[in-house]
Amino acid sequence: MSLLVALVLGIVQGVFMFVPVSSTSHLVLTQTLMAERLGIELPPPDSPELILFDLVVHVGTLVSVVIVMGDGLKELWLGVRQEVGSGQLRAEGLGASTSTRLVSLMVLSVAVTGGLGLTFQEQLTEGFGSPPAVALALVATGAMLWWTDAMTPDRSGDRLVFGWRDTTRMTVLTAVVIGGAQAAALMPGLSRSGTTIFAALLLGTQRTLAARYSFYIAIPTILAATGVQLLQVMLGQGLGTISWGAMAVGFVVAAAVGTAALWLVLRLLEAARFRIFSVYVWLLASAVLVFGLGTGGHG
């Protein structure tokens, strides 16, 4: 993989990691387009080394989370330290410790994702080499994003009440459902941020908290997935045609571009403007199916 290709893929990841239209699907489709239409030699999308590259650029975008949402992360960390250091946690228990309890629930969500991801890894990664499967998943993503805008407190009904769940009302069930949603989004075409935010809002979580929770649990999830994939590659045939230099370029570019994308997405979520992304992913899914992008193989 050339450094120019790594740069392009880093830009794609940076833009689409936080824009809820599935960064993985865009990486897969971009890689397929490069190989099939431009004649650029790349490993197959479902190869261990290319999946590792995809995860590395995902890690790059985690830097964006720290930059844009660093104040919230710092506040959460200070809250945990205060609750543990003051003895509040021992005296009142986990239920009365807001920050520590929220972090514990995030750990549970990540554990659920990890358990389901490892259990169904083969089924989930089959979609990496199948753009038609990616297209179908994009249709589902668009539907979730469309409903995301509708889940506001003023549109609450008798059965579903939106926006009532704050940090003190997050439960084990909430954490498990969000973790399961994140596991499902390991399949390319399902947006990780879109799926987890949709699940959180469906459970009544406040919009700002839903976004924070979604992006915070991405940090350990992506780091763990990258570590596992790196171990598999190192124990296998190595990086092949992808150099560490290409990995580094993709990482840095994804971090820089992702910062701007995350800032934009947070404001669109607060303004309930996610439907513009629904239209985009539906058009993209149609283009993939109509033009048959990815129907040929490459290696």
C-alpha atoms as a PDB file:
ATOM      1  CA  MET A   1       0.000   0.000   0.000  1.00  0.00           C
ATOM      2  CA  SER A   2       1.441   3.389  -0.998  1.00  0.00           C
ATOM      3  CA  LEU A   3       1.484   6.356   1.356  1.00  0.00           C
ATOM      4  CA  LEU A   4      -0.925   8.196  -0.977  1.00  0.00           C
ATOM      5  CA  VAL A   5      -3.464   5.368  -0.709  1.00  0.00           C
ATOM      6  CA  ALA A   6      -3.029   5.375   3.077  1.00  0.00           C
ATOM      7  CA  LEU A   7      -3.635   9.133   3.120  1.00  0.00           C
ATOM      8  CA  VAL A   8      -6.865   8.797   1.115  1.00  0.00           C
ATOM      9  CA  LEU A   9      -8.134   6.004   3.345  1.00  0.00           C
ATOM     10  CA  GLY A  10      -7.206   8.041   6.428  1.00  0.00           C
ATOM     11  CA  ILE A  11      -9.317  10.933   5.119  1.00  0.00           C
ATOM     12  CA  VAL A  12     -12.245   8.582   4.453  1.00  0.00           C
ATOM     13  CA  GLN A  13     -12.000   7.167   7.971  1.00  0.00           C
ATOM     14  CA  GLY A  14     -11.652  10.613   9.565  1.00  0.00           C
ATOM     15  CA  VAL A  15     -14.710  11.981   7.785  1.00  0.00           C
ATOM     16  CA  PHE A  16     -16.964   8.966   8.260  1.00  0.00           C
ATOM     17  CA  MET A  17     -15.962   7.698  11.718  1.00  0.00           C
ATOM     18  CA  PHE A  18     -18.243  10.210  13.409  1.00  0.00           C
ATOM     19  CA  VAL A  19     -20.597  11.067  10.579  1.00  0.00           C
ATOM     20  CA  PRO A  20     -23.087   8.240  11.274  1.00  0.00           C
ATOM     21  CA  VAL A  21     -22.942   6.565   7.860  1.00  0.00           C
ATOM     22  CA  SER A  22     -20.554   3.692   8.705  1.00  0.00           C
ATOM     23  CA  SER A  23     -16.863   4.444   8.293  1.00  0.00           C
ATOM     24  CA  THR A  24     -16.107   0.741   7.810  1.00  0.00           C
ATOM     25  CA  SER A  25     -18.436   0.479   4.825  1.00  0.00           C
ATOM     26  CA  HIS A  26     -16.831   3.542   3.250  1.00  0.00           C
ATOM     27  CA  LEU A  27     -13.377   2.065   3.797  1.00  0.00           C
ATOM     28  CA  VAL A  28     -14.468  -1.230   2.238  1.00  0.00           C
ATOM     29  CA  LEU A  29     -16.119   0.478  -0.723  1.00  0.00           C
ATOM     30  CA  THR A  30     -13.196   2.867  -1.251  1.00  0.00           C
ATOM     31  CA  GLN A  31     -10.716  -0.014  -1.139  1.00  0.00           C
ATOM     32  CA  THR A  32     -12.843  -2.019  -3.567  1.00  0.00           C
ATOM     33  CA  LEU A  33     -13.146   0.963  -5.921  1.00  0.00           C
ATOM     34  CA  MET A  34      -9.381   1.461  -5.843  1.00  0.00           C
ATOM     35  CA  ALA A  35      -8.745  -2.187  -6.645  1.00  0.00           C
ATOM     36  CA  GLU A  36     -11.479  -2.862  -9.196  1.00  0.00           C
ATOM     37  CA  ARG A  37     -11.822   0.452 -11.014  1.00  0.00           C
ATOM     38  CA  LEU A  38      -8.403   2.087 -10.569  1.00  0.00           C
ATOM     39  CA  GLY A  39      -6.251  -1.033 -10.679  1.00  0.00           C
ATOM     40  CA  ILE A  40      -4.498  -0.303  -7.375  1.00  0.00           C
ATOM     41  CA  GLU A  41      -3.198  -3.517  -5.843  1.00  0.00           C
ATOM     42  CA  LEU A  42      -4.551  -4.063  -2.351  1.00  0.00           C
ATOM     43  CA  PRO A  43      -5.087  -7.082  -0.117  1.00  0.00           C
ATOM     44  CA  PRO A  44      -8.692  -8.398  -0.052  1.00  0.00           C
ATOM     45  CA  PRO A  45     -11.039  -6.370   2.217  1.00  0.00           C
ATOM     46  CA  ASP A  46     -11.474  -9.376   4.512  1.00  0.00           C
ATOM     47  CA  SER A  47      -7.712 -10.070   4.813  1.00  0.00           C
ATOM     48  CA  PRO A  48      -6.184  -9.788   8.329  1.00  0.00           C
ATOM     49  CA  GLU A  49      -3.683  -7.091   7.307  1.00  0.00           C
ATOM     50  CA  LEU A  50      -6.274  -4.804   5.688  1.00  0.00           C
ATOM     51  CA  ILE A  51      -8.696  -5.275   8.590  1.00  0.00           C
ATOM     52  CA  LEU A  52      -5.794  -4.288  10.868  1.00  0.00           C
ATOM     53  CA  PHE A  53      -5.181  -1.142   8.796  1.00  0.00           C
ATOM     54  CA  ASP A  54      -8.876  -0.275   9.080  1.00  0.00           C
ATOM     55  CA  LEU A  55      -8.650  -0.663  12.859  1.00  0.00           C
ATOM     56  CA  VAL A  56      -5.476   1.440  13.068  1.00  0.00           C
ATOM     57  CA  VAL A  57      -7.168   4.376  11.329  1.00  0.00           C
ATOM     58  CA  HIS A  58     -10.103   3.833  13.693  1.00  0.00           C
ATOM     59  CA  VAL A  59      -7.644   4.265  16.576  1.00  0.00           C
ATOM     60  CA  GLY A  60      -6.488   7.505  14.932  1.00  0.00           C
ATOM     61  CA  THR A  61      -9.993   8.898  15.197  1.00  0.00           C
ATOM     62  CA  LEU A  62     -10.010   8.141  18.927  1.00  0.00           C
ATOM     63  CA  VAL A  63      -7.548  11.022  19.225  1.00  0.00           C
ATOM     64  CA  SER A  64     -10.385  13.183  17.901  1.00  0.00           C
ATOM     65  CA  VAL A  65     -12.616  12.064  20.779  1.00  0.00           C
ATOM     66  CA  VAL A  66      -9.982  13.136  23.292  1.00  0.00           C
ATOM     67  CA  ILE A  67      -9.546  16.519  21.575  1.00  0.00           C
ATOM     68  CA  VAL A  68     -13.230  17.390  21.148  1.00  0.00           C
ATOM     69  CA  MET A  69     -14.671  15.678  24.237  1.00  0.00           C
ATOM     70  CA  GLY A  70     -11.626  15.908  26.492  1.00  0.00           C
ATOM     71  CA  ASP A  71     -13.364  18.140  29.053  1.00  0.00           C
ATOM     72  CA  GLY A  72     -16.091  15.552  29.560  1.00  0.00           C
ATOM     73  CA  LEU A  73     -13.567  12.745  29.894  1.00  0.00           C
ATOM     74  CA  LYS A  74     -11.585  14.789  32.416  1.00  0.00           C
ATOM     75  CA  GLU A  75     -14.743  15.552  34.399  1.00  0.00           C
ATOM     76  CA  LEU A  76     -15.653  11.865  34.453  1.00  0.00           C
ATOM     77  CA  TRP A  77     -12.167  10.887  35.607  1.00  0.00           C
ATOM     78  CA  LEU A  78     -12.109  13.523  38.351  1.00  0.00           C
ATOM     79  CA  GLY A  79     -15.550  12.370  39.508  1.00  0.00           C
ATOM     80  CA  VAL A  80     -14.376   8.770  39.820  1.00  0.00           C
ATOM     81  CA  ARG A  81     -11.234   9.821  41.670  1.00  0.00           C
ATOM     82  CA  GLN A  82     -13.220  11.977  44.089  1.00  0.00           C
ATOM     83  CA  GLU A  83     -15.815   9.279  44.775  1.00  0.00           C
ATOM     84  CA  VAL A  84     -13.167   6.630  45.372  1.00  0.00           C
ATOM     85  CA  GLY A  85     -10.781   8.876  47.311  1.00  0.00           C
ATOM     86  CA  SER A  86     -13.415  10.396  49.598  1.00  0.00           C
ATOM     87  CA  GLY A  87     -14.787   7.037  50.661  1.00  0.00           C
ATOM     88  CA  GLN A  88     -18.195   7.793  49.152  1.00  0.00           C
ATOM     89  CA  LEU A  89     -18.055   4.619  47.094  1.00  0.00           C
ATOM     90  CA  ARG A  90     -17.432   2.460  50.170  1.00  0.00           C
ATOM     91  CA  ALA A  91     -19.980   4.276  52.304  1.00  0.00           C
ATOM     92  CA  GLU A  92     -22.890   4.645  49.890  1.00  0.00           C
ATOM     93  CA  GLY A  93     -22.237   1.932  47.327  1.00  0.00           C
ATOM     94  CA  LEU A  94     -22.024   2.019  43.549  1.00  0.00           C
ATOM     95  CA  GLY A  95     -25.621   3.171  43.129  1.00  0.00           C
ATOM     96  CA  ALA A  96     -24.935   6.532  44.764  1.00  0.00           C
ATOM     97  CA  SER A  97     -21.676   7.183  42.899  1.00  0.00           C
ATOM     98  CA  THR A  98     -22.646   8.837  39.638  1.00  0.00           C
ATOM     99  CA  SER A  99     -19.301   8.955  37.837  1.00  0.00           C
ATOM    100  CA  THR A 100     -18.001   5.568  39.033  1.00  0.00           C
ATOM    101  CA  ARG A 101     -21.340   3.958  38.265  1.00  0.00           C
ATOM    102  CA  LEU A 102     -21.413   5.427  34.754  1.00  0.00           C
ATOM    103  CA  VAL A 103     -17.883   4.197  34.062  1.00  0.00           C
ATOM    104  CA  SER A 104     -18.837   0.749  35.386  1.00  0.00           C
ATOM    105  CA  LEU A 105     -21.807   0.637  33.009  1.00  0.00           C
ATOM    106  CA  MET A 106     -19.552   1.652  30.120  1.00  0.00           C
ATOM    107  CA  VAL A 107     -17.195  -1.200  31.014  1.00  0.00           C
ATOM    108  CA  LEU A 108     -20.195  -3.540  30.967  1.00  0.00           C
ATOM    109  CA  SER A 109     -21.215  -2.280  27.513  1.00  0.00           C
ATOM    110  CA  VAL A 110     -17.708  -2.893  26.206  1.00  0.00           C
ATOM    111  CA  ALA A 111     -17.673  -6.373  27.761  1.00  0.00           C
ATOM    112  CA  VAL A 112     -20.975  -7.222  26.075  1.00  0.00           C
ATOM    113  CA  THR A 113     -19.598  -5.975  22.753  1.00  0.00           C
ATOM    114  CA  GLY A 114     -16.428  -7.997  23.192  1.00  0.00           C
ATOM    115  CA  GLY A 115     -18.267 -11.168  24.136  1.00  0.00           C
ATOM    116  CA  LEU A 116     -20.697 -10.967  21.228  1.00  0.00           C
ATOM    117  CA  GLY A 117     -17.978  -9.815  18.828  1.00  0.00           C
ATOM    118  CA  LEU A 118     -15.719 -12.763  19.609  1.00  0.00           C
ATOM    119  CA  THR A 119     -18.634 -15.206  19.526  1.00  0.00           C
ATOM    120  CA  PHE A 120     -19.899 -14.045  16.132  1.00  0.00           C
ATOM    121  CA  GLN A 121     -16.621 -12.744  14.662  1.00  0.00           C
ATOM    122  CA  GLU A 122     -16.761 -14.943  11.573  1.00  0.00           C
ATOM    123  CA  GLN A 123     -20.331 -13.990  10.713  1.00  0.00           C
ATOM    124  CA  LEU A 124     -19.683 -10.281  11.290  1.00  0.00           C
ATOM    125  CA  THR A 125     -16.503 -10.110   9.192  1.00  0.00           C
ATOM    126  CA  GLU A 126     -18.038 -11.955   6.233  1.00  0.00           C
ATOM    127  CA  GLY A 127     -19.537  -8.636   5.132  1.00  0.00           C
ATOM    128  CA  PHE A 128     -16.103  -7.068   4.597  1.00  0.00           C
ATOM    129  CA  GLY A 129     -15.805  -8.714   1.184  1.00  0.00           C
ATOM    130  CA  SER A 130     -19.413  -8.215   0.111  1.00  0.00           C
ATOM    131  CA  PRO A 131     -20.486  -4.703  -0.938  1.00  0.00           C
ATOM    132  CA  PRO A 132     -24.082  -5.920  -1.533  1.00  0.00           C
ATOM    133  CA  ALA A 133     -24.224  -6.958   2.118  1.00  0.00           C
ATOM    134  CA  VAL A 134     -22.781  -3.552   3.017  1.00  0.00           C
ATOM    135  CA  ALA A 135     -25.527  -1.903   0.965  1.00  0.00           C
ATOM    136  CA  LEU A 136     -28.275  -3.723   2.851  1.00  0.00           C
ATOM    137  CA  ALA A 137     -26.723  -2.721   6.153  1.00  0.00           C
ATOM    138  CA  LEU A 138     -26.576   0.887   4.949  1.00  0.00           C
ATOM    139  CA  VAL A 139     -30.327   0.787   4.341  1.00  0.00           C
ATOM    140  CA  ALA A 140     -30.803  -0.257   7.972  1.00  0.00           C
ATOM    141  CA  THR A 141     -28.465   2.519   9.114  1.00  0.00           C
ATOM    142  CA  GLY A 142     -30.493   5.087   7.184  1.00  0.00           C
ATOM    143  CA  ALA A 143     -33.706   3.900   8.847  1.00  0.00           C
ATOM    144  CA  MET A 144     -32.182   4.235  12.313  1.00  0.00           C
ATOM    145  CA  LEU A 145     -30.857   7.716  11.574  1.00  0.00           C
ATOM    146  CA  TRP A 146     -34.276   8.790  10.283  1.00  0.00           C
ATOM    147  CA  TRP A 147     -35.913   7.717  13.542  1.00  0.00           C
ATOM    148  CA  THR A 148     -33.133   9.311  15.602  1.00  0.00           C
ATOM    149  CA  ASP A 149     -34.412  12.774  14.710  1.00  0.00           C
ATOM    150  CA  ALA A 150     -37.946  11.788  15.746  1.00  0.00           C
ATOM    151  CA  MET A 151     -36.922  10.637  19.231  1.00  0.00           C
ATOM    152  CA  THR A 152     -37.227  14.003  20.984  1.00  0.00           C
ATOM    153  CA  PRO A 153     -39.081  14.700  24.280  1.00  0.00           C
ATOM    154  CA  ASP A 154     -41.834  16.653  22.517  1.00  0.00           C
ATOM    155  CA  ARG A 155     -42.629  13.575  20.409  1.00  0.00           C
ATOM    156  CA  SER A 156     -42.934  11.182  23.329  1.00  0.00           C
ATOM    157  CA  GLY A 157     -45.906   8.834  23.440  1.00  0.00           C
ATOM    158  CA  ASP A 158     -47.600   6.590  25.957  1.00  0.00           C
ATOM    159  CA  ARG A 159     -45.244   3.686  25.301  1.00  0.00           C
ATOM    160  CA  LEU A 160     -41.989   5.472  24.465  1.00  0.00           C
ATOM    161  CA  VAL A 161     -40.862   8.501  26.445  1.00  0.00           C
ATOM    162  CA  PHE A 162     -37.746  10.174  25.084  1.00  0.00           C
ATOM    163  CA  GLY A 163     -35.091  12.229  26.827  1.00  0.00           C
ATOM    164  CA  TRP A 164     -35.884  11.330  30.457  1.00  0.00           C
ATOM    165  CA  ARG A 165     -32.855   9.149  31.249  1.00  0.00           C
ATOM    166  CA  ASP A 166     -29.907  11.095  32.690  1.00  0.00           C
ATOM    167  CA  THR A 167     -26.675   9.728  34.195  1.00  0.00           C
ATOM    168  CA  THR A 168     -28.409   8.762  37.443  1.00  0.00           C
ATOM    169  CA  ARG A 169     -30.963   6.644  35.579  1.00  0.00           C
ATOM    170  CA  MET A 170     -28.616   4.608  33.425  1.00  0.00           C
ATOM    171  CA  THR A 171     -29.122   0.918  34.273  1.00  0.00           C
ATOM    172  CA  VAL A 172     -27.471  -2.430  33.681  1.00  0.00           C
ATOM    173  CA  LEU A 173     -30.116  -3.188  31.037  1.00  0.00           C
ATOM    174  CA  THR A 174     -29.307   0.082  29.263  1.00  0.00           C
ATOM    175  CA  ALA A 175     -25.609  -0.779  29.216  1.00  0.00           C
ATOM    176  CA  VAL A 176     -26.271  -4.297  27.914  1.00  0.00           C
ATOM    177  CA  VAL A 177     -28.549  -3.097  25.094  1.00  0.00           C
ATOM    178  CA  ILE A 178     -26.072  -0.406  23.984  1.00  0.00           C
ATOM    179  CA  GLY A 179     -23.229  -2.943  24.133  1.00  0.00           C
ATOM    180  CA  GLY A 180     -25.267  -5.322  21.988  1.00  0.00           C
ATOM    181  CA  ALA A 181     -25.975  -2.544  19.499  1.00  0.00           C
ATOM    182  CA  GLN A 182     -22.265  -1.783  19.281  1.00  0.00           C
ATOM    183  CA  ALA A 183     -21.518  -5.470  18.644  1.00  0.00           C
ATOM    184  CA  ALA A 184     -24.049  -5.541  15.795  1.00  0.00           C
ATOM    185  CA  ALA A 185     -22.318  -2.492  14.305  1.00  0.00           C
ATOM    186  CA  LEU A 186     -19.104  -4.478  13.886  1.00  0.00           C
ATOM    187  CA  MET A 187     -20.741  -5.526  10.639  1.00  0.00           C
ATOM    188  CA  PRO A 188     -19.682  -3.104   7.873  1.00  0.00           C
ATOM    189  CA  GLY A 189     -22.555  -0.930   6.737  1.00  0.00           C
ATOM    190  CA  LEU A 190     -24.028  -0.480  10.196  1.00  0.00           C
ATOM    191  CA  SER A 191     -22.810   2.779  11.681  1.00  0.00           C
ATOM    192  CA  ARG A 192     -21.328   2.208  15.145  1.00  0.00           C
ATOM    193  CA  SER A 193     -22.178   5.700  16.360  1.00  0.00           C
ATOM    194  CA  GLY A 194     -25.556   5.724  14.629  1.00  0.00           C
ATOM    195  CA  THR A 195     -26.562   2.308  15.983  1.00  0.00           C
ATOM    196  CA  THR A 196     -25.486   2.951  19.575  1.00  0.00           C
ATOM    197  CA  ILE A 197     -26.986   6.451  19.698  1.00  0.00           C
ATOM    198  CA  PHE A 198     -30.231   5.087  18.237  1.00  0.00           C
ATOM    199  CA  ALA A 199     -30.348   2.350  20.897  1.00  0.00           C
ATOM    200  CA  ALA A 200     -29.636   4.839  23.688  1.00  0.00           C
ATOM    201  CA  LEU A 201     -32.304   7.285  22.504  1.00  0.00           C
ATOM    202  CA  LEU A 202     -34.819   4.453  22.117  1.00  0.00           C
ATOM    203  CA  LEU A 203     -34.273   3.698  25.799  1.00  0.00           C
ATOM    204  CA  GLY A 204     -35.030   7.303  26.709  1.00  0.00           C
ATOM    205  CA  THR A 205     -31.468   8.556  27.142  1.00  0.00           C
ATOM    206  CA  GLN A 206     -30.886  12.294  26.829  1.00  0.00           C
ATOM    207  CA  ARG A 207     -29.320  13.247  23.496  1.00  0.00           C
ATOM    208  CA  THR A 208     -26.081  14.698  24.855  1.00  0.00           C
ATOM    209  CA  LEU A 209     -25.582  11.707  27.162  1.00  0.00           C
ATOM    210  CA  ALA A 210     -26.330   9.286  24.316  1.00  0.00           C
ATOM    211  CA  ALA A 211     -23.570  10.876  22.220  1.00  0.00           C
ATOM    212  CA  ARG A 212     -21.083  10.950  25.100  1.00  0.00           C
ATOM    213  CA  TYR A 213     -21.772   7.346  26.020  1.00  0.00           C
ATOM    214  CA  SER A 214     -21.463   6.196  22.397  1.00  0.00           C
ATOM    215  CA  PHE A 215     -18.143   7.882  21.724  1.00  0.00           C
ATOM    216  CA  TYR A 216     -16.642   7.073  25.141  1.00  0.00           C
ATOM    217  CA  ILE A 217     -17.239   3.325  24.829  1.00  0.00           C
ATOM    218  CA  ALA A 218     -15.667   3.442  21.365  1.00  0.00           C
ATOM    219  CA  ILE A 219     -12.269   4.084  22.958  1.00  0.00           C
ATOM    220  CA  PRO A 220     -11.721   0.746  24.769  1.00  0.00           C
ATOM    221  CA  THR A 221     -13.729  -1.172  22.161  1.00  0.00           C
ATOM    222  CA  ILE A 222     -11.600  -0.082  19.202  1.00  0.00           C
ATOM    223  CA  LEU A 223      -8.342  -0.377  21.158  1.00  0.00           C
ATOM    224  CA  ALA A 224      -9.206  -3.937  22.188  1.00  0.00           C
ATOM    225  CA  ALA A 225     -10.275  -4.942  18.668  1.00  0.00           C
ATOM    226  CA  THR A 226      -7.052  -3.484  17.256  1.00  0.00           C
ATOM    227  CA  GLY A 227      -4.940  -5.364  19.793  1.00  0.00           C
ATOM    228  CA  VAL A 228      -6.634  -8.680  18.965  1.00  0.00           C
ATOM    229  CA  GLN A 229      -6.297  -8.122  15.221  1.00  0.00           C
ATOM    230  CA  LEU A 230      -2.634  -7.076  15.557  1.00  0.00           C
ATOM    231  CA  LEU A 231      -1.912 -10.286  17.468  1.00  0.00           C
ATOM    232  CA  GLN A 232      -3.616 -12.351  14.757  1.00  0.00           C
ATOM    233  CA  VAL A 233      -1.591 -10.625  12.025  1.00  0.00           C
ATOM    234  CA  MET A 234       1.710 -10.986  13.860  1.00  0.00           C
ATOM    235  CA  LEU A 235       1.075 -14.673  14.515  1.00  0.00           C
ATOM    236  CA  GLY A 236       0.095 -15.137  10.867  1.00  0.00           C
ATOM    237  CA  GLN A 237       1.913 -13.949   7.761  1.00  0.00           C
ATOM    238  CA  GLY A 238       2.634 -10.398   8.917  1.00  0.00           C
ATOM    239  CA  LEU A 239       1.569  -7.130   7.301  1.00  0.00           C
ATOM    240  CA  GLY A 240       2.179  -8.244   3.739  1.00  0.00           C
ATOM    241  CA  THR A 241       2.043  -5.235   1.388  1.00  0.00           C
ATOM    242  CA  ILE A 242       1.046  -2.730   4.101  1.00  0.00           C
ATOM    243  CA  SER A 243       4.025  -0.995   5.728  1.00  0.00           C
ATOM    244  CA  TRP A 244       4.189   0.551   9.162  1.00  0.00           C
ATOM    245  CA  GLY A 245       4.702   3.888   7.377  1.00  0.00           C
ATOM    246  CA  ALA A 246       1.336   3.519   5.652  1.00  0.00           C
ATOM    247  CA  MET A 247      -0.231   2.646   9.009  1.00  0.00           C
ATOM    248  CA  ALA A 248       1.236   5.820  10.526  1.00  0.00           C
ATOM    249  CA  VAL A 249       0.024   8.071   7.697  1.00  0.00           C
ATOM    250  CA  GLY A 250      -3.489   6.671   7.921  1.00  0.00           C
ATOM    251  CA  PHE A 251      -3.478   7.117  11.706  1.00  0.00           C
ATOM    252  CA  VAL A 252      -2.386  10.770  11.684  1.00  0.00           C
ATOM    253  CA  VAL A 253      -4.670  11.854   8.829  1.00  0.00           C
ATOM    254  CA  ALA A 254      -7.695  10.106  10.385  1.00  0.00           C
ATOM    255  CA  ALA A 255      -7.049  11.887  13.700  1.00  0.00           C
ATOM    256  CA  ALA A 256      -6.830  15.328  12.099  1.00  0.00           C
ATOM    257  CA  VAL A 257      -9.857  14.981   9.831  1.00  0.00           C
ATOM    258  CA  GLY A 258     -11.894  13.210  12.506  1.00  0.00           C
ATOM    259  CA  THR A 259     -11.637  16.166  14.873  1.00  0.00           C
ATOM    260  CA  ALA A 260     -13.563  18.426  12.499  1.00  0.00           C
ATOM    261  CA  ALA A 261     -16.094  15.689  11.691  1.00  0.00           C
ATOM    262  CA  LEU A 262     -16.862  14.986  15.369  1.00  0.00           C
ATOM    263  CA  TRP A 263     -17.395  18.661  16.120  1.00  0.00           C
ATOM    264  CA  LEU A 264     -19.918  18.862  13.271  1.00  0.00           C
ATOM    265  CA  VAL A 265     -21.796  15.668  14.184  1.00  0.00           C
ATOM    266  CA  LEU A 266     -22.330  16.676  17.816  1.00  0.00           C
ATOM    267  CA  ARG A 267     -24.016  19.883  16.709  1.00  0.00           C
ATOM    268  CA  LEU A 268     -26.189  18.124  14.149  1.00  0.00           C
ATOM    269  CA  LEU A 269     -27.297  15.577  16.759  1.00  0.00           C
ATOM    270  CA  GLU A 270     -28.289  18.305  19.200  1.00  0.00           C
ATOM    271  CA  ALA A 271     -30.269  20.013  16.419  1.00  0.00           C
ATOM    272  CA  ALA A 272     -31.922  16.691  15.370  1.00  0.00           C
ATOM    273  CA  ARG A 273     -30.570  16.916  11.819  1.00  0.00           C
ATOM    274  CA  PHE A 274     -29.489  13.303  11.274  1.00  0.00           C
ATOM    275  CA  ARG A 275     -32.016  12.707   8.494  1.00  0.00           C
ATOM    276  CA  ILE A 276     -29.675  14.293   5.982  1.00  0.00           C
ATOM    277  CA  PHE A 277     -27.399  11.309   6.591  1.00  0.00           C
ATOM    278  CA  SER A 278     -30.310   8.909   6.035  1.00  0.00           C
ATOM    279  CA  VAL A 279     -30.809  10.231   2.529  1.00  0.00           C
ATOM    280  CA  TYR A 280     -27.085   9.945   1.852  1.00  0.00           C
ATOM    281  CA  VAL A 281     -26.714   6.312   2.941  1.00  0.00           C
ATOM    282  CA  TRP A 282     -29.842   5.270   1.036  1.00  0.00           C
ATOM    283  CA  LEU A 283     -28.462   6.862  -2.129  1.00  0.00           C
ATOM    284  CA  LEU A 284     -25.116   5.198  -1.502  1.00  0.00           C
ATOM    285  CA  ALA A 285     -26.749   1.797  -0.984  1.00  0.00           C
ATOM    286  CA  SER A 286     -28.673   2.217  -4.232  1.00  0.00           C
ATOM    287  CA  ALA A 287     -25.500   3.145  -6.113  1.00  0.00           C
ATOM    288  CA  VAL A 288     -23.679   0.101  -4.766  1.00  0.00           C
ATOM    289  CA  LEU A 289     -26.454  -2.254  -5.863  1.00  0.00           C
ATOM    290  CA  VAL A 290     -27.160  -0.603  -9.229  1.00  0.00           C
ATOM    291  CA  PHE A 291     -23.541  -0.278 -10.367  1.00  0.00           C
ATOM    292  CA  GLY A 292     -22.420  -3.553  -8.818  1.00  0.00           C
ATOM    293  CA  LEU A 293     -19.455  -2.030  -6.984  1.00  0.00           C
ATOM    294  CA  GLY A 294     -17.388  -4.759  -5.423  1.00  0.00           C
ATOM    295  CA  THR A 295     -18.831  -7.705  -7.322  1.00  0.00           C
ATOM    296  CA  GLY A 296     -15.414  -8.689  -8.606  1.00  0.00           C
ATOM    297  CA  GLY A 297     -12.576 -10.009  -6.479  1.00  0.00           C
ATOM    298  CA  HIS A 298      -9.160  -8.517  -5.900  1.00  0.00           C
ATOM    299  CA  GLY A 299      -6.008  -9.529  -4.108  1.00  0.00           C
END
